[in-house]
Amino acid sequence: MERIDPTDISVFESKLNFVSREMGIVMQRASRSPILNQSHDFSCYVCDGVGNLISQADGVPIHTGGGGFAVERLIEYWRDEIADGDVFLLNDPYVAGGNHLPDFTVIQPVFERGRILSFVCGRAHQVDIGGGMAGTYNPNAREIYHEGIRIPPVKIVKAGTQCRDVIYLVALNTRFPEMVSADIQAMIGAVGVGSQRINELVEEFGYDMFEPLCGAVLDYAEAVVRKRIEEIPDGSYTGRDLMLNDGFSDTKVTIAVTITVDGSDLHVDFTETGPQIDSYKNSSYTNTCSAVYLAVATLLGGRIPLNGGSYRMIRISAPEGSLVNPKEPAPLTFCTHHPTYEIVHACWRAFEGAVPEMVSAGWGKPCHPVSSGQRPDGSGLFVLFHMSAQPGAGALSCRDGFDQIGQLQSLGAITMPNLEAYEQIYPVRFLSHQFRIDSAGAGQFRGGSGVEYSVEFLTASRHNLRGEGVGAPTGFGVVRGTAGQAGLVTAGSTREASEELASYGEASMEAGVLTVVSPGGGGWGDPKDRDRQSVLDDLRSGMISLECARDVYGVSE
């Protein structure tokens, strides 16, 4: 075949990315649960006909980086029984290529002339999946069966006809069957739109050109990323990060990685990471790969393409039975948070001494719980995800960290919900939501600020405690930058009468106030090198105190 014009490759890639984005627009407008339509905790992506990721332009990186694994498992599971008009649902991390059970993945194959040319996919975090505690996270789980419903690749639409029995079976195993059913319908609608758009691309570029253009998009991404990796000196680099508890005790858990750079190839080796643990803080292999891809992509900069070609040169060693590749039936529902943070941080820290100008300072780790309870009017259960109680991001060598950007695994793609809307949806009243003064790590470029977030529950509530950001600072500094402040979670009848909550397990309270003081991100570079005007701007906006400006940055008005 003749060489493909680079302009055609660029246009084709842009249109693939628009397919992902349009599916995302459909999802946000059609979904019913606030975690999806308010906070955008979902992702849409496109794979080629064999499962290679060709677009991940919409959503959360931890969802999509390893999204191709789900398509590969689907193909293995159904083989020649995949038909035009079929739509599949899956979530299981052990048999279906999922990252964790709360993320349902809906996949539709796109046929042309009797052949599968593409798969369009949506992955969305459900409001509930059953299990031992409302809200998809069970801190008491010791095996995956305690965490919720497990779904292999099943058909929920067969040759264009919905399998209502399968959808009902899945939804009935959750605490919100109507809401989950509605969100599954939104996902079916989104991939339906994606399928139409892929068919239009085939018509526009030609049937014979679709697969070559997919291959060219992947090859181009690989070439760009390899060129960037070649800028890193060859050698082996080690990095570590800690979880401060194992889910059941204050035992520290270490994520250790050795990254070997050989020309344009990377070997990411987790052999020194310990064995799987009893709690839900193990990482599925799919999630581990997504976390590594996220770490490398952010290290190399925002201008590189993001698809399966970008990851071809990365070889990951994650021993079976380890924390980053556990054996069934280890629980792992929390893995998209922790140890995702620790995997990414360990990878960044491995390169801190070699290419500090490429490395981000640490992001503050979240510490907000997931809350649930019965509505005062007796209308049923509610589950509240505190998406506005987020930490600050780490700084880079070119800019400050983002304030209250959200969690590292999302890179800010999970949005802050409208609290006034939440007061209409949930039995709560928000008392405060403001940036924390002096919470950001200091540096030539400062870290992002955490927040002080306080909410009054008007009824009794139960809380899944997930306080990795509580205790020691977690947003580490780079190149003489300082760490961001640690977080704190309290609860009580009033804010003044509140007591500190543990960083793991669960807690219950009567009507009262929950307060989350989220951590700050780490700073990059020497604080004394910070631009004077930037320090004064932070002082006048209330991000830092007069004492911090004077004593840390050496600036006074």
Protein backbone atom coordinates (compact mmCIF):
# COMPACT_ATOMS: atom_id res chain seq x y z
CA MET A 1 0.00 0.00 0.00
CA GLU A 2 1.15 3.51 -0.75
CA ARG A 3 2.41 5.72 2.06
CA ILE A 4 -0.47 7.42 3.88
CA ASP A 5 -0.47 11.20 3.78
CA PRO A 6 0.37 12.59 7.27
CA THR A 7 -2.48 15.07 6.91
CA ASP A 8 -4.94 12.20 6.47
CA ILE A 9 -3.53 10.54 9.61
CA SER A 10 -3.94 13.76 11.62
CA VAL A 11 -7.49 14.36 10.40
CA PHE A 12 -8.45 10.73 11.00
CA GLU A 13 -7.02 10.80 14.53
CA SER A 14 -8.89 14.02 15.33
CA LYS A 15 -12.14 12.51 14.13
CA LEU A 16 -11.56 9.36 16.19
CA ASN A 17 -11.07 11.56 19.23
CA PHE A 18 -14.28 13.39 18.47
CA VAL A 19 -16.10 10.03 18.45
CA SER A 20 -14.90 9.48 22.03
CA ARG A 21 -15.93 12.99 23.05
CA GLU A 22 -19.37 12.75 21.49
CA MET A 23 -20.02 9.47 23.29
CA GLY A 24 -19.04 11.28 26.48
CA ILE A 25 -21.52 14.09 25.80
CA VAL A 26 -24.29 11.53 25.34
CA MET A 27 -23.31 9.78 28.57
CA GLN A 28 -23.32 12.95 30.64
CA ARG A 29 -26.67 14.11 29.32
CA ALA A 30 -28.41 10.73 29.45
CA SER A 31 -27.09 9.20 32.68
CA ARG A 32 -29.16 9.38 35.83
CA SER A 33 -26.77 9.10 38.78
CA PRO A 34 -24.99 12.26 39.99
CA ILE A 35 -21.63 10.49 40.02
CA LEU A 36 -21.95 10.37 36.22
CA ASN A 37 -24.01 13.38 35.16
CA GLN A 38 -22.53 15.77 37.75
CA SER A 39 -19.00 14.47 38.31
CA HIS A 40 -18.19 12.76 34.97
CA ASP A 41 -16.77 9.62 36.61
CA PHE A 42 -16.88 7.76 33.31
CA SER A 43 -14.83 7.45 30.15
CA CYS A 44 -15.41 6.65 26.49
CA TYR A 45 -12.81 5.16 24.18
CA VAL A 46 -12.38 3.42 20.84
CA CYS A 47 -10.42 0.31 19.90
CA ASP A 48 -9.63 -1.21 16.52
CA GLY A 49 -10.93 -4.59 15.46
CA VAL A 50 -8.45 -6.59 17.56
CA GLY A 51 -8.57 -4.49 20.73
CA ASN A 52 -5.80 -1.94 20.23
CA LEU A 53 -6.72 1.36 21.90
CA ILE A 54 -6.95 4.02 19.17
CA SER A 55 -8.66 6.87 21.05
CA GLN A 56 -9.06 7.74 24.73
CA ALA A 57 -10.02 11.37 24.30
CA ASP A 58 -12.84 11.50 26.84
CA GLY A 59 -12.78 10.81 30.55
CA VAL A 60 -10.52 9.38 33.21
CA PRO A 61 -7.04 8.03 32.30
CA ILE A 62 -7.15 5.15 34.80
CA HIS A 63 -10.31 3.92 33.01
CA THR A 64 -8.99 4.06 29.49
CA GLY A 65 -5.25 3.35 29.49
CA GLY A 66 -5.87 -0.38 29.95
CA GLY A 67 -9.25 -0.31 28.23
CA GLY A 68 -8.06 -2.54 25.43
CA PHE A 69 -7.67 -5.47 27.85
CA ALA A 70 -11.47 -5.64 28.18
CA VAL A 71 -11.93 -5.83 24.42
CA GLU A 72 -9.27 -8.54 24.16
CA ARG A 73 -11.00 -10.62 26.85
CA LEU A 74 -14.35 -10.13 25.13
CA ILE A 75 -12.93 -11.42 21.84
CA GLU A 76 -11.39 -14.43 23.59
CA TYR A 77 -14.65 -15.16 25.43
CA TRP A 78 -17.08 -14.91 22.50
CA ARG A 79 -14.81 -15.57 19.46
CA ASP A 80 -16.97 -16.09 16.33
CA GLU A 81 -20.25 -15.56 18.24
CA ILE A 82 -19.92 -11.77 18.09
CA ALA A 83 -22.63 -10.48 15.76
CA ASP A 84 -23.61 -7.16 14.25
CA GLY A 85 -25.95 -5.37 16.66
CA ASP A 86 -24.53 -7.02 19.80
CA VAL A 87 -23.61 -4.96 22.86
CA PHE A 88 -21.65 -6.40 25.79
CA LEU A 89 -21.33 -5.60 29.49
CA LEU A 90 -18.48 -6.58 31.82
CA ASN A 91 -16.67 -5.49 34.96
CA ASP A 92 -14.64 -8.38 36.38
CA PRO A 93 -10.89 -7.71 36.77
CA TYR A 94 -9.88 -11.36 36.79
CA VAL A 95 -11.70 -12.77 33.77
CA ALA A 96 -12.93 -9.74 31.82
CA GLY A 97 -10.10 -7.18 31.76
CA GLY A 98 -11.86 -4.76 34.09
CA ASN A 99 -9.91 -2.57 36.48
CA HIS A 100 -12.29 -2.90 39.45
CA LEU A 101 -15.89 -4.01 39.94
CA PRO A 102 -17.57 -0.56 40.23
CA ASP A 103 -16.55 0.34 36.68
CA PHE A 104 -19.06 -1.25 34.31
CA THR A 105 -17.80 -1.40 30.73
CA VAL A 106 -20.22 -1.46 27.78
CA ILE A 107 -18.75 -2.42 24.41
CA GLN A 108 -20.27 -2.47 20.94
CA PRO A 109 -18.51 -4.00 17.93
CA VAL A 110 -18.72 -2.01 14.70
CA PHE A 111 -19.22 -4.17 11.62
CA GLU A 112 -18.65 -3.30 8.00
CA ARG A 113 -19.08 -5.83 5.17
CA GLY A 114 -19.44 -8.62 7.70
CA ARG A 115 -16.16 -7.86 9.53
CA ILE A 116 -15.45 -6.18 12.86
CA LEU A 117 -13.51 -3.00 12.18
CA SER A 118 -13.74 -1.39 15.60
CA PHE A 119 -15.10 -1.55 19.13
CA VAL A 120 -16.64 1.51 20.79
CA CYS A 121 -16.56 1.44 24.58
CA GLY A 122 -17.84 3.22 27.67
CA ARG A 123 -16.62 2.61 31.21
CA ALA A 124 -18.59 4.18 34.05
CA HIS A 125 -18.37 4.05 37.85
CA GLN A 126 -21.72 2.88 39.20
CA VAL A 127 -23.47 4.34 42.21
CA ASP A 128 -23.62 0.86 43.78
CA ILE A 129 -22.69 -2.73 42.88
CA GLY A 130 -24.07 -4.63 45.87
CA GLY A 131 -21.51 -6.10 48.26
CA GLY A 132 -21.16 -5.47 51.95
CA MET A 133 -21.52 -1.68 52.02
CA ALA A 134 -23.47 0.86 50.01
CA GLY A 135 -21.54 2.93 47.50
CA THR A 136 -19.26 0.43 45.69
CA TYR A 137 -16.47 0.40 48.31
CA ASN A 138 -16.55 -2.14 51.14
CA PRO A 139 -13.64 -1.45 53.53
CA ASN A 140 -14.29 -4.73 55.33
CA ALA A 141 -13.89 -6.91 52.21
CA ARG A 142 -11.35 -9.71 52.43
CA GLU A 143 -12.21 -11.31 49.10
CA ILE A 144 -13.77 -10.10 45.89
CA TYR A 145 -17.07 -11.82 46.68
CA HIS A 146 -17.58 -9.27 49.48
CA GLU A 147 -17.29 -6.38 47.04
CA GLY A 148 -20.24 -6.79 44.71
CA ILE A 149 -21.50 -8.40 41.54
CA ARG A 150 -18.94 -9.90 39.15
CA ILE A 151 -19.79 -9.72 35.47
CA PRO A 152 -17.91 -11.59 32.72
CA PRO A 153 -18.46 -10.38 29.14
CA VAL A 154 -22.23 -10.86 28.71
CA LYS A 155 -24.54 -9.75 25.93
CA ILE A 156 -27.01 -7.08 27.00
CA VAL A 157 -28.09 -6.46 23.41
CA LYS A 158 -28.24 -9.40 21.01
CA ALA A 159 -28.44 -8.60 17.30
CA GLY A 160 -30.20 -5.33 18.09
CA THR A 161 -32.61 -6.66 20.74
CA GLN A 162 -32.00 -5.80 24.39
CA CYS A 163 -31.58 -8.73 26.79
CA ARG A 164 -33.81 -7.28 29.47
CA ASP A 165 -33.38 -10.32 31.70
CA VAL A 166 -29.60 -9.82 31.86
CA ILE A 167 -29.87 -6.09 32.56
CA TYR A 168 -32.47 -6.79 35.25
CA LEU A 169 -30.28 -9.49 36.80
CA VAL A 170 -27.34 -7.09 37.05
CA ALA A 171 -29.41 -4.17 38.35
CA LEU A 172 -31.23 -6.28 40.94
CA ASN A 173 -27.88 -7.11 42.54
CA THR A 174 -27.41 -3.43 43.42
CA ARG A 175 -29.13 -1.19 45.96
CA PHE A 176 -30.35 1.17 43.22
CA PRO A 177 -31.72 -1.06 40.45
CA GLU A 178 -33.65 1.70 38.68
CA MET A 179 -30.72 4.11 38.67
CA VAL A 180 -28.22 1.46 37.58
CA SER A 181 -30.59 0.29 34.82
CA ALA A 182 -30.95 3.87 33.61
CA ASP A 183 -27.18 4.38 33.57
CA ILE A 184 -26.68 1.15 31.62
CA GLN A 185 -29.21 2.44 29.10
CA ALA A 186 -27.21 5.67 28.84
CA MET A 187 -24.08 3.63 28.17
CA ILE A 188 -25.87 1.61 25.48
CA GLY A 189 -27.00 4.86 23.89
CA ALA A 190 -23.50 6.31 23.99
CA VAL A 191 -21.82 3.36 22.26
CA GLY A 192 -24.69 3.33 19.75
CA VAL A 193 -23.78 6.88 18.78
CA GLY A 194 -20.10 5.88 18.68
CA SER A 195 -20.91 3.00 16.34
CA GLN A 196 -22.75 5.33 13.96
CA ARG A 197 -19.82 7.74 13.92
CA ILE A 198 -17.31 4.98 13.14
CA ASN A 199 -19.50 3.82 10.24
CA GLU A 200 -19.46 7.41 8.97
CA LEU A 201 -15.65 7.45 9.19
CA VAL A 202 -15.49 4.24 7.16
CA GLU A 203 -17.69 5.84 4.54
CA GLU A 204 -15.65 9.05 4.52
CA PHE A 205 -12.18 7.52 4.34
CA GLY A 206 -13.06 4.29 2.56
CA TYR A 207 -13.45 0.72 3.77
CA ASP A 208 -10.01 -0.27 2.49
CA MET A 209 -8.34 2.65 4.30
CA PHE A 210 -9.90 2.35 7.76
CA GLU A 211 -7.61 -0.35 9.13
CA PRO A 212 -4.44 1.13 7.60
CA LEU A 213 -5.30 4.51 9.08
CA CYS A 214 -5.83 2.93 12.51
CA GLY A 215 -2.41 1.32 12.19
CA ALA A 216 -0.87 4.62 11.09
CA VAL A 217 -2.34 6.44 14.11
CA LEU A 218 -0.77 3.85 16.43
CA ASP A 219 2.57 3.92 14.60
CA TYR A 220 2.74 7.71 14.73
CA ALA A 221 2.06 7.73 18.47
CA GLU A 222 4.76 5.13 19.02
CA ALA A 223 7.30 7.16 17.02
CA VAL A 224 6.55 10.36 18.97
CA VAL A 225 6.77 8.67 22.37
CA ARG A 226 9.95 6.77 21.52
CA LYS A 227 11.61 10.03 20.54
CA ARG A 228 10.69 11.53 23.93
CA ILE A 229 11.93 8.50 25.85
CA GLU A 230 15.28 8.72 24.06
CA GLU A 231 15.80 12.06 25.83
CA ILE A 232 16.05 10.18 29.15
CA PRO A 233 19.55 8.86 29.88
CA ASP A 234 19.84 5.07 29.68
CA GLY A 235 19.99 3.33 33.04
CA SER A 236 17.94 1.77 35.83
CA TYR A 237 16.06 4.02 38.21
CA THR A 238 14.22 3.07 41.39
CA GLY A 239 11.30 4.72 43.12
CA ARG A 240 9.05 4.02 46.10
CA ASP A 241 5.88 5.31 47.65
CA LEU A 242 3.87 4.26 50.69
CA MET A 243 0.34 3.51 51.70
CA LEU A 244 0.16 4.36 55.39
CA ASN A 245 -2.21 1.51 56.21
CA ASP A 246 -3.10 -1.88 54.79
CA GLY A 247 -6.84 -1.32 55.13
CA PHE A 248 -7.10 -3.01 58.52
CA SER A 249 -4.17 -1.65 60.51
CA ASP A 250 -1.53 1.09 60.51
CA THR A 251 0.90 -1.22 58.72
CA LYS A 252 2.81 0.62 55.99
CA VAL A 253 2.67 -0.89 52.52
CA THR A 254 5.43 -0.08 50.02
CA ILE A 255 5.11 0.13 46.25
CA ALA A 256 8.59 -0.28 44.77
CA VAL A 257 9.49 -0.01 41.10
CA THR A 258 12.66 -0.22 39.02
CA ILE A 259 12.44 1.40 35.60
CA THR A 260 15.11 0.55 33.06
CA VAL A 261 15.57 2.86 30.10
CA ASP A 262 17.24 1.25 27.09
CA GLY A 263 17.18 3.58 24.12
CA SER A 264 13.48 4.11 23.48
CA ASP A 265 12.31 1.07 25.49
CA LEU A 266 11.08 1.07 29.10
CA HIS A 267 10.98 -1.92 31.44
CA VAL A 268 8.84 -1.18 34.50
CA ASP A 269 9.56 -3.82 37.11
CA PHE A 270 7.51 -4.28 40.32
CA THR A 271 9.40 -7.37 41.52
CA GLU A 272 10.37 -5.60 44.76
CA THR A 273 6.75 -4.75 45.57
CA GLY A 274 5.34 -7.03 48.24
CA PRO A 275 2.65 -9.70 48.08
CA GLN A 276 -1.07 -9.07 47.81
CA ILE A 277 -2.81 -8.00 51.00
CA ASP A 278 -6.13 -8.89 52.62
CA SER A 279 -7.89 -5.57 51.98
CA TYR A 280 -9.40 -3.94 48.90
CA LYS A 281 -6.18 -2.00 48.18
CA ASN A 282 -4.69 -4.53 45.75
CA SER A 283 -4.35 -3.47 42.12
CA SER A 284 -5.63 -5.58 39.24
CA TYR A 285 -3.17 -6.09 36.40
CA THR A 286 -5.31 -3.91 34.11
CA ASN A 287 -5.30 -1.11 36.67
CA THR A 288 -1.55 -1.43 37.23
CA CYS A 289 -0.89 -1.08 33.50
CA SER A 290 -3.20 1.94 33.30
CA ALA A 291 -1.40 3.55 36.24
CA VAL A 292 2.01 3.00 34.63
CA TYR A 293 0.78 4.41 31.32
CA LEU A 294 -0.59 7.45 33.18
CA ALA A 295 2.74 7.97 34.94
CA VAL A 296 4.74 7.77 31.72
CA ALA A 297 2.33 9.95 29.73
CA THR A 298 2.44 12.71 32.35
CA LEU A 299 6.21 12.43 32.60
CA LEU A 300 6.62 12.92 28.84
CA GLY A 301 4.30 15.92 28.60
CA GLY A 302 0.87 16.85 27.41
CA ARG A 303 1.57 16.99 23.68
CA ILE A 304 2.15 13.30 23.04
CA PRO A 305 -0.64 11.26 21.42
CA LEU A 306 -2.52 9.01 23.84
CA ASN A 307 -3.43 5.61 22.43
CA GLY A 308 -2.13 2.06 22.42
CA GLY A 309 0.81 3.02 20.20
CA SER A 310 2.06 5.30 22.98
CA TYR A 311 2.50 2.27 25.25
CA ARG A 312 4.03 -0.28 22.85
CA MET A 313 7.55 0.30 24.16
CA ILE A 314 6.59 -0.23 27.82
CA ARG A 315 7.12 -3.70 29.26
CA ILE A 316 5.63 -4.25 32.71
CA SER A 317 6.75 -6.97 35.12
CA ALA A 318 4.13 -7.44 37.82
CA PRO A 319 4.59 -10.81 39.54
CA GLU A 320 1.40 -12.80 39.98
CA GLY A 321 0.33 -12.81 43.61
CA SER A 322 1.85 -9.39 44.26
CA LEU A 323 0.03 -6.26 45.35
CA VAL A 324 0.04 -5.07 41.74
CA ASN A 325 -1.18 -8.33 40.20
CA PRO A 326 -3.10 -10.28 42.83
CA LYS A 327 -4.49 -13.77 42.53
CA GLU A 328 -8.21 -14.41 42.71
CA PRO A 329 -10.15 -13.95 44.98
CA ALA A 330 -8.19 -11.01 46.43
CA PRO A 331 -10.35 -7.88 46.87
CA LEU A 332 -9.33 -4.81 44.87
CA THR A 333 -12.20 -2.35 44.71
CA PHE A 334 -10.10 0.58 45.93
CA CYS A 335 -7.34 0.04 43.37
CA THR A 336 -8.24 2.93 41.07
CA HIS A 337 -7.36 5.22 44.01
CA HIS A 338 -4.80 3.23 45.96
CA PRO A 339 -2.38 1.87 45.04
CA THR A 340 -2.81 3.84 41.79
CA TYR A 341 -1.47 6.96 43.51
CA GLU A 342 1.48 5.02 44.86
CA ILE A 343 2.27 3.39 41.51
CA VAL A 344 2.32 6.75 39.74
CA HIS A 345 4.27 8.45 42.53
CA ALA A 346 6.84 5.63 42.60
CA CYS A 347 7.35 5.93 38.83
CA TRP A 348 7.79 9.70 39.06
CA ARG A 349 10.19 9.42 41.99
CA ALA A 350 12.28 6.93 40.04
CA PHE A 351 13.11 9.68 37.55
CA GLU A 352 13.48 12.55 40.00
CA GLY A 353 17.28 12.36 40.10
CA ALA A 354 17.70 11.81 36.35
CA VAL A 355 15.26 14.20 34.70
CA PRO A 356 13.82 16.43 37.45
CA GLU A 357 12.57 18.94 34.88
CA MET A 358 10.17 16.27 33.59
CA VAL A 359 8.86 15.11 36.96
CA SER A 360 5.75 16.35 38.74
CA ALA A 361 5.76 16.90 42.48
CA GLY A 362 3.41 14.63 44.39
CA TRP A 363 -0.33 15.10 44.35
CA GLY A 364 -2.08 15.24 47.69
CA LYS A 365 -3.87 11.98 48.39
CA PRO A 366 -7.64 12.06 48.94
CA CYS A 367 -9.13 11.50 52.38
CA HIS A 368 -12.88 11.92 51.87
CA PRO A 369 -15.20 9.00 52.63
CA VAL A 370 -18.19 7.71 50.70
CA SER A 371 -21.34 8.39 52.74
CA SER A 372 -24.71 6.67 52.78
CA GLY A 373 -27.92 6.61 54.81
CA GLN A 374 -31.69 6.42 54.75
CA ARG A 375 -33.58 9.49 53.56
CA PRO A 376 -35.55 11.23 56.33
CA ASP A 377 -38.80 10.98 54.37
CA GLY A 378 -38.51 7.20 54.17
CA SER A 379 -38.09 7.20 50.38
CA GLY A 380 -35.02 4.96 50.49
CA LEU A 381 -31.24 4.91 50.56
CA PHE A 382 -28.85 7.60 49.36
CA VAL A 383 -25.13 7.37 48.54
CA LEU A 384 -23.06 10.56 48.43
CA PHE A 385 -19.62 10.73 46.80
CA HIS A 386 -17.82 13.83 48.11
CA MET A 387 -16.35 14.90 44.78
CA SER A 388 -15.74 18.47 45.98
CA ALA A 389 -13.48 17.52 48.89
CA GLN A 390 -10.49 17.01 46.64
CA PRO A 391 -6.74 17.53 47.22
CA GLY A 392 -4.33 19.76 45.34
CA ALA A 393 -2.07 18.67 42.50
CA GLY A 394 1.71 18.69 42.41
CA ALA A 395 3.69 21.43 40.69
CA LEU A 396 5.84 21.07 37.58
CA SER A 397 8.98 22.82 36.41
CA CYS A 398 6.83 25.17 34.33
CA ARG A 399 3.73 25.90 36.41
CA ASP A 400 2.00 25.72 39.78
CA GLY A 401 -0.03 22.69 40.75
CA PHE A 402 -3.77 22.99 40.23
CA ASP A 403 -5.85 23.83 43.27
CA GLN A 404 -8.43 21.22 44.29
CA ILE A 405 -8.03 19.56 40.92
CA GLY A 406 -9.38 16.18 41.91
CA GLN A 407 -7.65 12.88 42.12
CA LEU A 408 -4.47 11.83 40.38
CA GLN A 409 -6.04 8.89 38.56
CA SER A 410 -8.40 11.30 36.79
CA LEU A 411 -5.92 14.16 36.13
CA GLY A 412 -8.80 16.53 36.80
CA ALA A 413 -11.29 14.84 34.47
CA ILE A 414 -13.67 14.19 37.37
CA THR A 415 -15.43 17.49 37.81
CA MET A 416 -16.61 19.28 40.93
CA PRO A 417 -20.40 18.94 41.27
CA ASN A 418 -22.78 21.82 41.95
CA LEU A 419 -23.29 21.80 45.72
CA GLU A 420 -26.60 23.60 45.48
CA ALA A 421 -27.86 20.83 43.23
CA TYR A 422 -26.55 18.27 45.71
CA GLU A 423 -28.59 19.92 48.47
CA GLN A 424 -31.68 19.21 46.36
CA ILE A 425 -30.67 15.60 45.72
CA TYR A 426 -29.36 14.57 49.16
CA PRO A 427 -30.44 15.25 52.78
CA VAL A 428 -27.46 17.55 53.43
CA ARG A 429 -26.58 21.20 53.87
CA PHE A 430 -23.14 22.48 52.92
CA LEU A 431 -21.55 24.72 55.53
CA SER A 432 -18.21 25.59 53.90
CA HIS A 433 -16.11 24.90 50.85
CA GLN A 434 -12.97 27.02 50.61
CA PHE A 435 -9.29 26.77 49.83
CA ARG A 436 -6.94 25.99 52.72
CA ILE A 437 -4.44 28.70 53.50
CA ASP A 438 -0.79 27.48 53.48
CA SER A 439 -1.78 23.94 52.47
CA ALA A 440 0.13 23.98 49.18
CA GLY A 441 3.73 22.81 49.14
CA ALA A 442 6.12 25.73 48.65
CA GLY A 443 8.46 26.01 45.69
CA GLN A 444 9.56 28.05 42.73
CA PHE A 445 6.24 26.68 41.51
CA ARG A 446 3.92 25.96 44.40
CA GLY A 447 1.65 22.96 44.77
CA GLY A 448 -2.10 23.07 44.47
CA SER A 449 -4.15 23.98 47.51
CA GLY A 450 -6.46 21.59 49.32
CA VAL A 451 -9.86 22.64 50.64
CA GLU A 452 -11.82 22.91 53.86
CA TYR A 453 -15.13 21.20 53.13
CA SER A 454 -17.86 20.84 55.71
CA VAL A 455 -21.28 19.26 55.20
CA GLU A 456 -24.16 18.80 57.62
CA PHE A 457 -26.10 15.54 57.32
CA LEU A 458 -29.76 15.98 58.21
CA THR A 459 -30.14 12.28 58.99
CA ALA A 460 -28.03 9.44 60.36
CA SER A 461 -25.21 8.41 58.02
CA ARG A 462 -22.59 5.74 57.50
CA HIS A 463 -19.15 6.45 56.10
CA ASN A 464 -16.60 4.31 54.30
CA LEU A 465 -13.33 5.82 55.53
CA ARG A 466 -10.61 6.15 52.90
CA GLY A 467 -8.12 8.48 54.54
CA GLU A 468 -4.85 7.95 52.69
CA GLY A 469 -4.35 11.70 52.77
CA VAL A 470 -4.63 11.78 56.58
CA GLY A 471 -1.49 11.75 58.74
CA ALA A 472 1.86 12.33 57.04
CA PRO A 473 2.06 14.70 54.05
CA THR A 474 1.52 12.83 50.78
CA GLY A 475 2.13 15.51 48.13
CA PHE A 476 5.93 15.33 48.14
CA GLY A 477 8.14 18.18 46.93
CA VAL A 478 10.70 17.98 44.11
CA VAL A 479 14.05 19.78 43.66
CA ARG A 480 13.95 21.50 47.09
CA GLY A 481 10.20 22.09 46.90
CA THR A 482 8.33 21.27 50.10
CA ALA A 483 5.50 18.83 50.67
CA GLY A 484 1.88 19.90 50.82
CA GLN A 485 0.07 19.80 54.14
CA ALA A 486 -1.57 16.56 55.27
CA GLY A 487 -5.34 16.12 55.46
CA LEU A 488 -7.83 15.57 58.26
CA VAL A 489 -11.37 14.17 58.52
CA THR A 490 -13.65 14.88 61.50
CA ALA A 491 -17.27 14.24 62.42
CA GLY A 492 -19.63 15.17 65.24
CA SER A 493 -22.92 16.75 66.18
CA THR A 494 -21.46 20.15 65.23
CA ARG A 495 -18.23 21.20 63.59
CA GLU A 496 -16.89 22.49 66.91
CA ALA A 497 -17.78 19.23 68.71
CA SER A 498 -16.28 16.98 66.03
CA GLU A 499 -13.62 14.32 66.57
CA GLU A 500 -10.99 13.01 64.19
CA LEU A 501 -11.98 9.90 62.26
CA ALA A 502 -9.70 6.97 61.50
CA SER A 503 -8.08 6.68 58.08
CA TYR A 504 -9.63 3.27 57.29
CA GLY A 505 -12.65 1.17 58.19
CA GLU A 506 -16.09 2.68 58.62
CA ALA A 507 -17.89 5.09 60.94
CA SER A 508 -21.49 5.95 61.71
CA MET A 509 -23.03 9.09 63.15
CA GLU A 510 -26.42 10.57 63.88
CA ALA A 511 -27.41 13.79 62.15
CA GLY A 512 -24.30 15.93 62.32
CA VAL A 513 -21.34 17.47 60.52
CA LEU A 514 -18.62 15.83 58.45
CA THR A 515 -15.55 17.95 57.72
CA VAL A 516 -12.81 17.10 55.25
CA VAL A 517 -9.58 19.11 55.22
CA SER A 518 -7.93 17.87 52.05
CA PRO A 519 -4.15 17.75 51.47
CA GLY A 520 -2.10 20.08 49.32
CA GLY A 521 0.15 19.15 46.43
CA GLY A 522 3.92 19.34 46.54
CA GLY A 523 6.05 22.24 45.34
CA TRP A 524 8.73 22.18 42.61
CA GLY A 525 12.01 24.02 43.04
CA ASP A 526 13.44 26.31 45.70
CA PRO A 527 10.74 28.59 47.22
CA LYS A 528 13.23 31.45 47.30
CA ASP A 529 13.29 31.35 43.49
CA ARG A 530 9.58 32.00 43.17
CA ASP A 531 8.53 35.06 41.25
CA ARG A 532 7.86 37.86 43.75
CA GLN A 533 4.62 38.92 42.07
CA SER A 534 3.29 35.36 42.24
CA VAL A 535 3.97 35.28 45.97
CA LEU A 536 2.15 38.59 46.44
CA ASP A 537 -0.77 37.36 44.35
CA ASP A 538 -1.06 34.25 46.53
CA LEU A 539 -0.86 36.39 49.66
CA ARG A 540 -3.57 38.79 48.54
CA SER A 541 -5.88 35.99 47.39
CA GLY A 542 -5.57 34.22 50.74
CA MET A 543 -3.74 31.14 49.46
CA ILE A 544 -0.76 31.80 51.74
CA SER A 545 -0.31 33.69 55.00
CA LEU A 546 1.89 36.70 55.65
CA GLU A 547 4.18 34.46 57.72
CA CYS A 548 4.55 31.98 54.86
CA ALA A 549 5.30 34.74 52.37
CA ARG A 550 7.96 36.18 54.67
CA ASP A 551 9.52 33.07 56.21
CA VAL A 552 9.24 30.55 53.38
CA TYR A 553 9.40 32.70 50.27
CA GLY A 554 11.37 35.63 51.66
CA VAL A 555 8.83 38.16 50.41
CA SER A 556 7.09 40.86 52.38
CA GLU A 557 4.73 43.57 51.25
